[in-house]
Amino acid sequence: MNLFLILAFLFFIGSVTGWCIEVVFRRFFSNKNPERKWINPGFCTGPYLPLYGSGLCLMYLIASQEKYMTALPSWQAKAVLFVAMAVCMTGIEYIAGIYSLQVNHVRLWDYTDQWGNIQGVICPKFSLAWAILGAVYYFLIHPYILDALQWLAQNLAFSFVIGVFFGVFTVDAFHSAQIISKLKAFAVKNDVVVRYETVKTHIRCQVEENKQKYHFFRPFHSEQMMLERLEAIKDRFEKRRQHVKNVIKKER
């Protein structure tokens, strides 16, 4: 079967499943959500996280390399695979996080309170989590992925659903990029780094206090409201100049 179709299928599965994992984690386990509210993670509107979709594609490709590692004992080969998965996932996380931080002046997630963090974008704790997730994927998920790919090969009509997903995802990504551009404009104007999750949390709290309907999938449905909320919590954002100084100091 065509590798492009395989990766498209895996991106679809990983993005949707990853979104479900994040929703459950933030609802029941995150210490940054003491109220235990349902939170729509990520910057996209729909129920998918491209970071996890890309991650599943990488994990599949890395796990598929085991057949070429015949020179190593089985346990060593698996250890190499798990480390490679952790490194690659951390790399994706760093590239996505640092791009948003340095180019858009928006912090999509924040690890600044975690030990050993680098610019608040990656940290050893979550790199270890990626390694554990890689092991879970290898032992519990990869065999089913192979079965799913076999099923896809026999039911290629499902590729239509994948095509619809990517069509919706492309439109969503374009719309979300426009929101990010507005956040960037505010950040540049006020010389700050906007904390994305802080903004969403503030909007949700304000809407609930006013007994209004909260848009789970569209927290930024009103541009005017978004700008008003940003102004209201401007003091909670990182000062851009100070942030740059700290980054330079840390890199030295």
Protein backbone atom coordinates (compact mmCIF):
# COMPACT_ATOMS: atom_id res chain seq x y z
CA MET A 1 0.00 0.00 0.00
CA ASN A 2 1.18 3.53 -0.78
CA LEU A 3 3.28 5.01 2.06
CA PHE A 4 1.55 8.39 1.68
CA LEU A 5 -1.86 6.81 2.31
CA ILE A 6 -0.48 4.90 5.29
CA LEU A 7 0.92 8.06 6.89
CA ALA A 8 -2.28 10.01 6.11
CA PHE A 9 -4.31 7.26 7.82
CA LEU A 10 -1.98 7.25 10.85
CA PHE A 11 -2.03 11.05 11.08
CA PHE A 12 -5.82 10.91 11.13
CA ILE A 13 -5.91 8.25 13.88
CA GLY A 14 -3.15 9.87 15.95
CA SER A 15 -4.59 13.38 15.78
CA VAL A 16 -8.06 12.34 16.92
CA THR A 17 -6.86 9.84 19.56
CA GLY A 18 -4.30 12.32 20.90
CA TRP A 19 -7.01 14.94 21.28
CA CYS A 20 -9.10 12.49 23.32
CA ILE A 21 -6.09 11.67 25.52
CA GLU A 22 -5.38 15.35 26.16
CA VAL A 23 -9.02 16.13 26.97
CA VAL A 24 -9.14 13.34 29.57
CA PHE A 25 -5.71 14.25 31.00
CA ARG A 26 -6.58 17.92 31.41
CA ARG A 27 -9.98 17.09 32.89
CA PHE A 28 -8.86 14.58 35.53
CA PHE A 29 -5.08 14.79 36.04
CA SER A 30 -3.69 18.24 35.17
CA ASN A 31 -2.71 20.36 38.19
CA LYS A 32 -3.32 23.44 36.04
CA ASN A 33 -7.03 22.67 35.97
CA PRO A 34 -8.01 22.53 39.67
CA GLU A 35 -11.66 23.22 38.80
CA ARG A 36 -11.69 20.01 36.72
CA LYS A 37 -13.31 21.65 33.72
CA TRP A 38 -13.50 20.17 30.23
CA ILE A 39 -10.87 21.93 28.12
CA ASN A 40 -10.41 21.81 24.36
CA PRO A 41 -6.62 21.39 23.95
CA GLY A 42 -4.47 22.74 21.15
CA PHE A 43 -4.89 25.70 18.82
CA CYS A 44 -7.24 24.03 16.33
CA THR A 45 -11.01 24.22 16.67
CA GLY A 46 -11.87 20.61 15.90
CA PRO A 47 -11.17 17.39 17.85
CA TYR A 48 -7.65 16.69 16.64
CA LEU A 49 -4.07 17.50 17.61
CA PRO A 50 -1.57 17.45 14.72
CA LEU A 51 1.33 16.96 17.17
CA TYR A 52 0.00 13.53 18.08
CA GLY A 53 -0.78 12.73 14.46
CA SER A 54 2.80 13.48 13.47
CA GLY A 55 3.99 11.53 16.51
CA LEU A 56 2.06 8.39 15.55
CA CYS A 57 3.52 8.54 12.05
CA LEU A 58 7.03 8.78 13.51
CA MET A 59 6.46 5.98 16.01
CA TYR A 60 5.19 3.72 13.24
CA LEU A 61 8.21 4.49 11.04
CA ILE A 62 10.65 3.99 13.93
CA ALA A 63 9.02 0.73 15.10
CA SER A 64 9.20 -0.52 11.51
CA GLN A 65 13.00 -0.27 11.64
CA GLU A 66 13.33 -3.08 14.18
CA LYS A 67 13.61 -5.67 11.42
CA TYR A 68 16.89 -4.03 10.35
CA MET A 69 18.42 -4.17 13.86
CA THR A 70 19.42 -7.82 13.75
CA ALA A 71 22.91 -7.13 15.15
CA LEU A 72 21.47 -6.14 18.55
CA PRO A 73 19.85 -8.36 21.17
CA SER A 74 16.08 -8.01 21.23
CA TRP A 75 15.94 -5.96 24.46
CA GLN A 76 18.64 -3.57 23.25
CA ALA A 77 16.88 -3.05 19.94
CA LYS A 78 13.65 -2.21 21.77
CA ALA A 79 15.49 0.18 24.11
CA VAL A 80 16.99 1.98 21.09
CA LEU A 81 13.53 2.24 19.53
CA PHE A 82 12.00 3.76 22.68
CA VAL A 83 14.83 6.27 23.05
CA ALA A 84 14.53 7.20 19.37
CA MET A 85 10.78 7.71 19.79
CA ALA A 86 11.33 9.93 22.84
CA VAL A 87 13.99 11.99 21.04
CA CYS A 88 11.87 12.44 17.91
CA MET A 89 8.72 13.36 19.84
CA THR A 90 10.67 15.82 22.00
CA GLY A 91 12.13 17.27 18.81
CA ILE A 92 8.68 17.76 17.28
CA GLU A 93 7.44 19.32 20.52
CA TYR A 94 10.43 21.68 20.64
CA ILE A 95 10.17 22.77 16.99
CA ALA A 96 6.43 23.44 17.25
CA GLY A 97 6.71 25.19 20.62
CA ILE A 98 9.74 27.34 19.79
CA TYR A 99 8.30 28.35 16.41
CA SER A 100 5.10 29.55 18.05
CA LEU A 101 7.07 31.28 20.81
CA GLN A 102 9.70 33.03 18.71
CA VAL A 103 7.70 33.75 15.53
CA ASN A 104 4.16 34.24 16.82
CA HIS A 105 5.00 35.33 20.40
CA VAL A 106 2.43 32.82 21.62
CA ARG A 107 3.18 30.13 24.21
CA LEU A 108 0.99 27.15 23.35
CA TRP A 109 2.04 25.19 26.47
CA ASP A 110 4.19 26.03 29.46
CA TYR A 111 6.76 23.81 31.20
CA THR A 112 8.57 26.64 32.97
CA ASP A 113 7.69 25.16 36.37
CA GLN A 114 9.21 21.78 35.43
CA TRP A 115 12.77 20.80 36.36
CA GLY A 116 15.35 20.98 33.57
CA ASN A 117 13.01 22.69 31.13
CA ILE A 118 14.39 24.42 28.04
CA GLN A 119 12.64 27.73 27.40
CA GLY A 120 9.49 26.25 28.94
CA VAL A 121 8.93 24.26 25.74
CA ILE A 122 10.40 20.85 26.59
CA CYS A 123 11.55 19.17 29.80
CA PRO A 124 12.98 15.79 30.96
CA LYS A 125 9.71 14.80 32.65
CA PHE A 126 7.72 14.88 29.43
CA SER A 127 10.58 13.43 27.38
CA LEU A 128 10.44 10.44 29.75
CA ALA A 129 6.67 10.39 29.26
CA TRP A 130 7.25 10.20 25.50
CA ALA A 131 9.61 7.24 26.02
CA ILE A 132 6.98 5.45 28.13
CA LEU A 133 4.34 6.27 25.54
CA GLY A 134 6.66 4.83 22.90
CA ALA A 135 6.88 1.57 24.86
CA VAL A 136 3.11 1.51 25.27
CA TYR A 137 2.74 2.10 21.55
CA TYR A 138 5.18 -0.69 20.65
CA PHE A 139 3.67 -3.36 22.91
CA LEU A 140 -0.02 -2.44 22.96
CA ILE A 141 -0.79 -0.36 19.88
CA HIS A 142 1.61 -1.21 17.06
CA PRO A 143 0.17 -4.71 16.45
CA TYR A 144 -3.30 -3.19 16.13
CA ILE A 145 -1.92 -0.49 13.83
CA LEU A 146 -0.62 -3.23 11.55
CA ASP A 147 -4.07 -4.86 11.64
CA ALA A 148 -5.70 -1.50 10.88
CA LEU A 149 -3.39 -0.98 7.90
CA GLN A 150 -4.30 -4.45 6.67
CA TRP A 151 -7.98 -3.52 7.01
CA LEU A 152 -7.37 -0.25 5.14
CA ALA A 153 -5.68 -2.14 2.30
CA GLN A 154 -8.84 -4.22 1.95
CA ASN A 155 -11.20 -1.25 2.32
CA LEU A 156 -9.63 1.55 0.30
CA ALA A 157 -12.99 3.29 0.08
CA PHE A 158 -12.25 4.52 3.62
CA SER A 159 -9.62 6.79 2.07
CA PHE A 160 -12.58 9.06 1.20
CA VAL A 161 -13.12 9.62 4.95
CA ILE A 162 -9.42 10.42 5.32
CA GLY A 163 -9.73 12.92 2.48
CA VAL A 164 -12.70 14.59 4.17
CA PHE A 165 -10.72 14.77 7.42
CA PHE A 166 -7.81 16.53 5.74
CA GLY A 167 -10.19 18.91 3.98
CA VAL A 168 -11.79 19.91 7.30
CA PHE A 169 -8.40 20.01 9.01
CA THR A 170 -6.94 22.32 6.33
CA VAL A 171 -9.82 24.80 6.69
CA ASP A 172 -9.57 24.62 10.49
CA ALA A 173 -5.80 25.15 10.43
CA PHE A 174 -6.24 28.22 8.21
CA HIS A 175 -8.90 29.65 10.55
CA SER A 176 -6.76 28.91 13.63
CA ALA A 177 -3.76 30.57 11.96
CA GLN A 178 -5.82 33.75 11.62
CA ILE A 179 -6.54 33.67 15.37
CA ILE A 180 -2.85 33.16 16.09
CA SER A 181 -2.02 36.13 13.83
CA LYS A 182 -4.36 38.34 15.91
CA LEU A 183 -2.72 37.11 19.10
CA LYS A 184 0.67 37.87 17.56
CA ALA A 185 -0.42 41.40 16.65
CA PHE A 186 -1.52 41.96 20.25
CA ALA A 187 1.74 40.48 21.57
CA VAL A 188 3.90 42.67 19.33
CA LYS A 189 1.90 45.79 20.18
CA ASN A 190 2.19 45.20 23.92
CA ASP A 191 5.66 43.60 23.87
CA VAL A 192 4.48 40.41 25.57
CA VAL A 193 4.34 36.65 25.01
CA VAL A 194 0.70 35.54 25.03
CA ARG A 195 -0.06 32.42 27.06
CA TYR A 196 -2.62 30.62 24.90
CA GLU A 197 -4.09 28.40 27.59
CA THR A 198 -4.30 31.32 30.04
CA VAL A 199 -6.43 33.23 27.54
CA LYS A 200 -8.78 30.29 26.98
CA THR A 201 -9.11 29.67 30.72
CA HIS A 202 -9.88 33.34 31.40
CA ILE A 203 -12.53 33.44 28.66
CA ARG A 204 -14.19 30.31 30.03
CA CYS A 205 -14.26 31.67 33.60
CA GLN A 206 -15.64 35.03 32.51
CA VAL A 207 -18.35 33.42 30.37
CA GLU A 208 -19.39 31.14 33.23
CA GLU A 209 -19.46 34.03 35.70
CA ASN A 210 -21.75 35.95 33.36
CA LYS A 211 -23.92 32.83 32.95
CA GLN A 212 -23.38 32.85 29.21
CA LYS A 213 -22.91 29.90 26.88
CA TYR A 214 -19.30 28.79 26.62
CA HIS A 215 -18.22 27.67 23.15
CA PHE A 216 -16.09 24.58 23.86
CA PHE A 217 -14.83 24.33 20.28
CA ARG A 218 -14.83 28.10 19.60
CA PRO A 219 -13.57 30.02 22.64
CA PHE A 220 -12.42 32.87 20.35
CA HIS A 221 -15.71 33.11 18.44
CA SER A 222 -15.82 36.89 18.91
CA GLU A 223 -12.78 38.92 17.86
CA GLN A 224 -13.86 41.92 19.94
CA MET A 225 -14.35 39.73 23.00
CA MET A 226 -10.95 38.15 22.44
CA LEU A 227 -9.23 41.55 22.34
CA GLU A 228 -11.10 42.66 25.47
CA ARG A 229 -10.02 39.51 27.32
CA LEU A 230 -6.43 39.98 26.21
CA GLU A 231 -6.40 43.52 27.57
CA ALA A 232 -7.95 42.36 30.84
CA ILE A 233 -5.20 39.82 31.55
CA LYS A 234 -2.28 41.58 29.89
CA ASP A 235 -0.36 41.62 33.18
CA ARG A 236 -0.39 37.79 33.28
CA PHE A 237 1.68 37.48 30.12
CA GLU A 238 5.47 37.36 29.91
CA LYS A 239 7.19 40.60 29.04
CA ARG A 240 8.84 40.03 25.69
CA ARG A 241 12.04 41.97 26.38
CA GLN A 242 12.62 40.24 29.70
CA HIS A 243 11.82 36.87 28.14
CA VAL A 244 14.41 37.38 25.39
CA LYS A 245 17.02 38.40 27.97
CA ASN A 246 16.35 35.26 30.00
CA VAL A 247 16.59 33.08 26.91
CA ILE A 248 19.92 34.60 25.89
CA LYS A 249 21.23 34.32 29.43
CA LYS A 250 20.19 30.66 29.64
CA GLU A 251 21.76 29.83 26.28
CA ARG A 252 25.07 31.36 27.37
